């Protein structure tokens, strides 16, 4: 009989319902036994609404009293690394909202804690876990699409002054970055998950229209180890909002248009002219039952990793690849230099924090 894991949700703000729905979608495997928030009224209200038996305002107290198997972290970004490490040291696995942490230095501390404890911390990158994405990756891995050639990855969102009026937003110390780190991170992780290892980044970033410390727009060019090229835009300034991923292979163009989540109906396949590849068209249409890009899809995969005691798909090397990529965007933008993979090491100011020595 499969184990039911005792979980705690930390942070009962705007994203908490996505985690609640995820737990409810696999309630035979995960039981939400407590919630934590520094606001006593907010956590009390959440627990009453969600029928969660225990409410806490102190994270350390919760760890001591509950001893959870799984901690779901949905707090502001600057607290993620410390909470993840503390939870693992108490024997819990962690699924943490993005951004997982604020620097490569912090991520390496998380990875060291994983090695010490035998527990793991995964970042919420739910775009990877849709059945349609896994289907695309299988077709690509089998060579049915041909070589990857060109990619476009745009996160064109809109965040107004009221959004940035929240005290922790718009500041390097607490939000850890602008739309590169807080918005476009999902689409960029998705892009890397499909196109693979990156080799070099050239980028620009600026604060064009919001009264904030961090950037409100960034753009990047990336060269992948396969030889493919990619272009990226991350914006908090775009009134017509869209998340757009375009992947040009030798035999087809694959496009995905959505905003905060997608299903298989949001994808489009265009075969390379003039010869229409009927076999590829049939393979594309022979997709598995549709599972969208939800927190629930990722949580189910995460629980299966817990069952096996295996490193989750968005932990370890995979988590570091994406954070190193984002770090390279910031370093390239602020130094006006191309940044090669594996070039940001201990001693580099950008290894310690995304804003470098600014």
Protein backbone atom coordinates (compact mmCIF):
# COMPACT_ATOMS: atom_id res chain seq x y z
CA UNK A 1 0.00 0.00 0.00
CA UNK A 2 1.36 3.43 -0.93
CA UNK A 3 2.33 5.78 1.87
CA UNK A 4 0.32 8.96 2.48
CA UNK A 5 2.76 11.82 3.08
CA UNK A 6 2.01 14.41 5.76
CA UNK A 7 2.46 17.86 4.19
CA UNK A 8 2.61 21.43 5.46
CA UNK A 9 1.95 24.55 3.39
CA UNK A 10 4.13 27.53 4.31
CA UNK A 11 2.67 30.83 3.10
CA UNK A 12 -1.07 31.30 2.63
CA UNK A 13 -1.01 34.22 0.22
CA UNK A 14 -2.09 34.44 -3.41
CA UNK A 15 -0.47 31.22 -4.68
CA UNK A 16 -1.69 29.00 -1.84
CA UNK A 17 -4.81 27.81 -3.68
CA UNK A 18 -2.69 26.31 -6.46
CA UNK A 19 -0.95 24.17 -3.85
CA UNK A 20 -4.24 23.32 -2.16
CA UNK A 21 -5.71 22.14 -5.49
CA UNK A 22 -2.56 20.10 -6.11
CA UNK A 23 -2.89 18.32 -2.77
CA UNK A 24 -6.59 17.73 -3.33
CA UNK A 25 -5.88 16.24 -6.77
CA UNK A 26 -3.79 13.47 -5.18
CA UNK A 27 -5.36 13.35 -1.73
CA UNK A 28 -4.78 9.60 -1.59
CA UNK A 29 -1.02 10.32 -1.42
CA UNK A 30 -0.69 13.69 0.37
CA UNK A 31 -2.51 14.96 3.46
CA UNK A 32 -2.26 18.65 4.33
CA UNK A 33 -1.88 18.57 8.12
CA UNK A 34 -0.81 22.18 8.85
CA UNK A 35 -0.22 25.63 7.40
CA UNK A 36 2.17 28.41 8.39
CA UNK A 37 1.96 32.18 7.87
CA UNK A 38 3.32 35.16 9.80
CA UNK A 39 -0.18 36.68 9.60
CA UNK A 40 -2.25 34.84 12.25
CA UNK A 41 -5.62 35.85 10.82
CA UNK A 42 -4.69 34.84 7.29
CA UNK A 43 -3.44 31.39 8.26
CA UNK A 44 -6.44 30.84 10.55
CA UNK A 45 -8.83 31.77 7.74
CA UNK A 46 -7.02 29.47 5.30
CA UNK A 47 -7.06 26.52 7.69
CA UNK A 48 -10.77 26.95 8.40
CA UNK A 49 -11.57 27.18 4.70
CA UNK A 50 -9.35 24.25 3.67
CA UNK A 51 -10.15 22.13 6.76
CA UNK A 52 -6.47 22.00 7.76
CA UNK A 53 -6.17 20.99 11.43
CA UNK A 54 -3.13 22.99 12.58
CA UNK A 55 -2.17 26.65 12.07
CA UNK A 56 1.23 28.13 12.94
CA UNK A 57 2.87 31.54 12.72
CA UNK A 58 6.38 30.21 13.44
CA UNK A 59 8.12 27.96 10.92
CA UNK A 60 10.61 26.44 13.38
CA UNK A 61 7.85 25.65 15.88
CA UNK A 62 5.89 23.90 13.14
CA UNK A 63 8.88 21.72 12.19
CA UNK A 64 9.35 20.66 15.81
CA UNK A 65 5.69 19.93 16.54
CA UNK A 66 4.55 18.42 13.23
CA UNK A 67 7.67 16.74 11.83
CA UNK A 68 6.23 16.74 8.28
CA UNK A 69 7.26 14.46 5.42
CA UNK A 70 6.79 17.22 2.84
CA UNK A 71 6.97 21.01 3.07
CA UNK A 72 5.35 23.16 0.36
CA UNK A 73 6.94 26.62 0.43
CA UNK A 74 4.94 29.55 -0.98
CA UNK A 75 6.50 32.48 0.88
CA UNK A 76 8.29 35.58 -0.53
CA UNK A 77 11.52 34.62 -2.35
CA UNK A 78 14.15 35.77 0.14
CA UNK A 79 13.03 33.15 2.69
CA UNK A 80 13.14 30.13 0.37
CA UNK A 81 16.71 28.90 0.83
CA UNK A 82 16.78 29.09 4.63
CA UNK A 83 13.39 27.40 4.99
CA UNK A 84 14.29 24.66 2.50
CA UNK A 85 17.50 23.81 4.35
CA UNK A 86 15.82 23.81 7.76
CA UNK A 87 13.05 21.53 6.51
CA UNK A 88 15.48 19.03 5.01
CA UNK A 89 17.52 18.99 8.22
CA UNK A 90 14.32 17.93 10.01
CA UNK A 91 13.83 15.06 7.58
CA UNK A 92 11.33 16.62 5.18
CA UNK A 93 11.41 16.89 1.40
CA UNK A 94 10.59 20.32 -0.02
CA UNK A 95 8.69 21.59 -3.05
CA UNK A 96 9.37 25.32 -3.21
CA UNK A 97 7.89 28.09 -5.33
CA UNK A 98 10.15 29.89 -7.79
CA UNK A 99 12.64 31.39 -7.52
CA UNK A 100 14.13 28.60 -5.44
CA UNK A 101 16.82 30.88 -4.06
CA UNK A 102 18.68 34.12 -4.73
CA UNK A 103 22.08 32.97 -5.97
CA UNK A 104 24.22 30.07 -7.11
CA UNK A 105 25.91 30.24 -3.70
CA UNK A 106 22.55 29.62 -1.98
CA UNK A 107 21.68 26.85 -4.41
CA UNK A 108 24.97 25.10 -3.67
CA UNK A 109 24.12 25.35 0.06
CA UNK A 110 20.79 23.66 -0.69
CA UNK A 111 22.54 20.93 -2.66
CA UNK A 112 25.02 20.41 0.21
CA UNK A 113 22.07 20.02 2.58
CA UNK A 114 20.55 17.45 0.21
CA UNK A 115 23.76 15.42 0.38
CA UNK A 116 23.88 15.69 4.20
CA UNK A 117 20.26 14.77 4.81
CA UNK A 118 19.24 12.46 1.99
CA UNK A 119 16.21 14.71 1.42
CA UNK A 120 15.63 16.89 -1.65
CA UNK A 121 14.32 20.35 -2.49
CA UNK A 122 12.60 20.80 -5.85
CA UNK A 123 11.57 24.06 -7.47
CA UNK A 124 8.03 24.57 -8.73
CA UNK A 125 8.49 24.43 -12.53
CA UNK A 126 5.10 23.01 -13.47
CA UNK A 127 5.48 23.78 -17.20
CA UNK A 128 7.72 20.71 -17.49
CA UNK A 129 5.08 18.26 -16.28
CA UNK A 130 2.22 18.61 -18.77
CA UNK A 131 1.60 15.43 -20.74
CA UNK A 132 1.85 17.41 -24.00
CA UNK A 133 5.33 18.64 -23.07
CA UNK A 134 6.50 15.11 -22.27
CA UNK A 135 5.05 13.97 -25.61
CA UNK A 136 6.99 16.68 -27.48
CA UNK A 137 10.21 15.73 -25.71
CA UNK A 138 9.75 12.07 -26.65
CA UNK A 139 9.29 12.99 -30.32
CA UNK A 140 12.38 15.22 -30.22
CA UNK A 141 14.49 12.59 -28.44
CA UNK A 142 13.48 10.00 -31.03
CA UNK A 143 14.73 12.30 -33.80
CA UNK A 144 11.31 12.66 -35.42
CA UNK A 145 11.52 16.47 -35.47
CA UNK A 146 15.10 16.65 -36.70
CA UNK A 147 17.71 18.93 -35.18
CA UNK A 148 16.62 21.91 -33.06
CA UNK A 149 17.57 25.11 -34.91
CA UNK A 150 15.88 28.25 -33.56
CA UNK A 151 13.84 29.01 -30.46
CA UNK A 152 11.80 32.01 -29.34
CA UNK A 153 10.78 32.34 -25.69
CA UNK A 154 8.67 35.37 -24.72
CA UNK A 155 7.12 36.19 -21.37
CA UNK A 156 5.17 39.37 -22.12
CA UNK A 157 3.23 40.15 -18.95
CA UNK A 158 1.91 43.29 -17.28
CA UNK A 159 2.51 44.28 -13.65
CA UNK A 160 1.32 47.73 -12.55
CA UNK A 161 2.40 50.06 -9.76
CA UNK A 162 -0.05 48.45 -7.33
CA UNK A 163 1.68 45.10 -7.86
CA UNK A 164 5.03 46.63 -6.96
CA UNK A 165 3.55 48.47 -3.97
CA UNK A 166 3.80 45.20 -2.00
CA UNK A 167 6.83 45.93 0.25
CA UNK A 168 8.99 42.96 -0.76
CA UNK A 169 8.51 43.37 -4.52
CA UNK A 170 10.79 45.35 -6.80
CA UNK A 171 13.84 45.06 -4.52
CA UNK A 172 16.97 42.98 -5.03
CA UNK A 173 17.14 41.98 -1.38
CA UNK A 174 13.63 40.56 -1.14
CA UNK A 175 12.27 39.79 -4.64
CA UNK A 176 15.76 38.77 -5.84
CA UNK A 177 15.16 40.14 -9.36
CA UNK A 178 12.59 41.50 -11.79
CA UNK A 179 10.64 39.70 -14.54
CA UNK A 180 13.73 37.68 -15.46
CA UNK A 181 13.72 36.01 -12.06
CA UNK A 182 10.08 36.27 -11.04
CA UNK A 183 8.01 36.01 -14.24
CA UNK A 184 9.99 34.70 -17.21
CA UNK A 185 11.68 32.02 -15.13
CA UNK A 186 8.84 29.59 -15.92
CA UNK A 187 8.99 29.92 -19.71
CA UNK A 188 12.80 29.98 -19.74
CA UNK A 189 12.99 26.80 -17.64
CA UNK A 190 10.47 25.25 -20.04
CA UNK A 191 12.61 26.34 -23.01
CA UNK A 192 15.75 24.82 -21.49
CA UNK A 193 13.88 21.64 -20.58
CA UNK A 194 13.07 21.12 -24.28
CA UNK A 195 16.15 22.50 -26.07
CA UNK A 196 18.70 21.20 -23.57
CA UNK A 197 22.07 22.45 -22.40
CA UNK A 198 22.98 26.06 -23.09
CA UNK A 199 26.49 27.28 -23.94
CA UNK A 200 26.51 31.11 -24.03
CA UNK A 201 24.27 34.09 -23.25
CA UNK A 202 24.32 37.72 -24.39
CA UNK A 203 21.75 39.98 -22.71
CA UNK A 204 20.38 43.43 -21.93
CA UNK A 205 18.18 44.52 -19.01
CA UNK A 206 16.65 47.82 -17.97
CA UNK A 207 14.15 49.57 -15.76
CA UNK A 208 12.08 51.46 -18.31
CA UNK A 209 8.79 52.37 -16.67
CA UNK A 210 8.41 51.17 -13.07
CA UNK A 211 9.79 52.88 -9.96
CA UNK A 212 11.69 49.80 -8.72
CA UNK A 213 15.28 48.71 -8.04
CA UNK A 214 15.17 45.63 -10.25
CA UNK A 215 14.69 45.46 -14.02
CA UNK A 216 11.24 45.59 -15.59
CA UNK A 217 12.42 44.14 -18.93
CA UNK A 218 15.26 41.92 -20.17
CA UNK A 219 16.22 40.41 -23.49
CA UNK A 220 18.73 37.68 -24.24
CA UNK A 221 20.30 35.70 -27.05
CA UNK A 222 21.39 32.17 -26.25
CA UNK A 223 23.52 29.61 -28.05
CA UNK A 224 22.81 26.01 -27.10
CA UNK A 225 25.37 23.23 -26.96
CA UNK A 226 23.52 21.59 -29.87
CA UNK A 227 24.32 24.67 -31.98
CA UNK A 228 20.74 25.96 -31.90
CA UNK A 229 20.09 29.68 -31.30
CA UNK A 230 17.39 31.24 -29.15
CA UNK A 231 15.93 34.65 -28.35
CA UNK A 232 14.22 35.58 -25.08
CA UNK A 233 12.11 38.52 -23.89
CA UNK A 234 10.96 38.97 -20.28
CA UNK A 235 8.65 41.90 -19.65
CA UNK A 236 6.47 43.32 -16.87
CA UNK A 237 5.33 46.14 -19.19
CA UNK A 238 3.19 44.45 -21.86
CA UNK A 239 -0.57 45.28 -21.76
CA UNK A 240 -1.51 42.42 -24.12
CA UNK A 241 -0.17 39.57 -22.07
CA UNK A 242 1.20 36.40 -23.63
CA UNK A 243 3.55 33.54 -22.94
CA UNK A 244 4.91 32.30 -26.26
CA UNK A 245 7.32 29.49 -27.08
CA UNK A 246 8.34 28.77 -30.67
CA UNK A 247 10.65 25.89 -31.54
CA UNK A 248 11.93 25.53 -35.11
CA UNK A 249 13.28 22.08 -35.92
CA UNK A 250 14.43 20.74 -39.28
CA UNK A 251 11.10 19.07 -39.94
CA UNK A 252 8.58 21.28 -38.18
CA UNK A 253 7.79 24.40 -36.21
CA UNK A 254 6.21 23.79 -32.81
CA UNK A 255 4.44 26.71 -31.09
CA UNK A 256 2.87 27.12 -27.67
CA UNK A 257 0.76 30.18 -26.80
CA UNK A 258 -0.75 30.61 -23.35
CA UNK A 259 -0.48 32.83 -20.28
CA UNK A 260 -0.05 31.05 -16.93
CA UNK A 261 -0.69 27.46 -17.91
CA UNK A 262 -1.47 25.26 -20.90
CA UNK A 263 -3.02 22.07 -22.23
CA UNK A 264 -2.37 20.16 -25.45
CA UNK A 265 -4.86 22.39 -27.30
CA UNK A 266 -2.49 25.37 -26.86
CA UNK A 267 0.19 23.78 -29.06
CA UNK A 268 0.45 24.12 -32.84
CA UNK A 269 2.51 22.02 -35.27
CA UNK A 270 3.54 23.33 -38.71
CA UNK A 271 5.32 20.81 -40.92
CA UNK A 272 8.27 21.82 -43.07
CA UNK A 273 7.19 22.51 -46.70
CA UNK A 274 6.94 21.36 -49.36
CA UNK A 275 7.00 17.70 -48.32
CA UNK A 276 4.34 17.14 -45.66
CA UNK A 277 5.46 14.44 -43.22
CA UNK A 278 2.38 12.29 -42.60
CA UNK A 279 4.24 10.05 -40.15
CA UNK A 280 5.24 13.04 -38.03
CA UNK A 281 1.70 14.42 -38.16
CA UNK A 282 0.34 11.09 -36.97
CA UNK A 283 2.95 10.84 -34.21
CA UNK A 284 2.09 14.38 -33.06
CA UNK A 285 -1.62 13.58 -32.90
CA UNK A 286 -1.02 10.30 -31.04
CA UNK A 287 -0.60 12.10 -27.74
CA UNK A 288 -1.41 10.58 -24.34
CA UNK A 289 -4.45 11.64 -22.26
CA UNK A 290 -4.13 15.34 -21.58
CA UNK A 291 -2.69 16.54 -18.28
CA UNK A 292 -2.16 20.30 -18.12
CA UNK A 293 0.78 22.22 -16.69
CA UNK A 294 -0.49 22.35 -13.13
CA UNK A 295 1.02 22.22 -9.66
CA UNK A 296 -0.87 18.95 -9.30
CA UNK A 297 0.96 17.32 -12.21
CA UNK A 298 4.31 18.27 -10.68
CA UNK A 299 3.30 17.23 -7.16
CA UNK A 300 2.27 13.79 -8.40
CA UNK A 301 5.68 13.32 -10.04
CA UNK A 302 7.40 14.65 -6.91
CA UNK A 303 5.58 12.13 -4.70
CA UNK A 304 6.65 9.32 -7.01
CA UNK A 305 10.25 10.47 -6.57
CA UNK A 306 9.73 10.43 -2.80
CA UNK A 307 8.48 6.85 -3.08
CA UNK A 308 11.64 5.82 -4.91
CA UNK A 309 14.03 8.02 -2.93
CA UNK A 310 15.21 9.60 -6.19
CA UNK A 311 16.30 13.15 -6.97
CA UNK A 312 13.26 15.03 -8.37
CA UNK A 313 13.32 16.42 -11.89
CA UNK A 314 13.61 20.06 -10.74
CA UNK A 315 16.25 19.50 -8.06
CA UNK A 316 20.02 19.22 -8.24
CA UNK A 317 21.63 19.63 -11.66
CA UNK A 318 18.37 20.61 -13.35
CA UNK A 319 17.60 23.37 -10.83
CA UNK A 320 21.16 24.66 -11.09
CA UNK A 321 21.10 24.77 -14.90
CA UNK A 322 18.15 27.16 -14.91
CA UNK A 323 19.46 29.37 -12.09
CA UNK A 324 22.90 29.54 -13.72
CA UNK A 325 21.20 30.60 -16.96
CA UNK A 326 19.30 33.41 -15.22
CA UNK A 327 22.48 34.47 -13.43
CA UNK A 328 24.27 34.63 -16.77
CA UNK A 329 21.52 36.88 -18.17
CA UNK A 330 21.99 39.34 -15.32
CA UNK A 331 25.78 39.24 -15.50
CA UNK A 332 25.79 39.71 -19.27
CA UNK A 333 23.31 42.58 -19.05
CA UNK A 334 25.20 44.39 -16.30
CA UNK A 335 28.74 43.82 -17.67
CA UNK A 336 27.91 44.05 -21.40
CA UNK A 337 29.81 40.81 -21.97
CA UNK A 338 28.87 37.36 -23.31
CA UNK A 339 28.74 34.79 -20.50
CA UNK A 340 29.78 31.20 -21.08
CA UNK A 341 28.31 28.19 -19.27
CA UNK A 342 30.21 27.21 -16.09
CA UNK A 343 32.10 30.52 -15.99
CA UNK A 344 30.37 31.91 -12.87
CA UNK A 345 32.22 30.34 -9.95
CA UNK A 346 32.81 31.04 -6.25
CA UNK A 347 34.58 34.38 -5.90
CA UNK A 348 32.57 35.95 -8.71
CA UNK A 349 30.22 38.63 -7.32
CA UNK A 350 27.43 37.20 -9.48
CA UNK A 351 27.91 33.81 -7.80
CA UNK A 352 26.97 35.48 -4.50
CA UNK A 353 23.98 37.50 -5.75
CA UNK A 354 22.21 38.15 -9.04
CA UNK A 355 22.89 41.90 -8.95
CA UNK A 356 26.62 41.22 -8.68
CA UNK A 357 28.59 44.13 -7.28
CA UNK A 358 26.02 46.75 -8.29
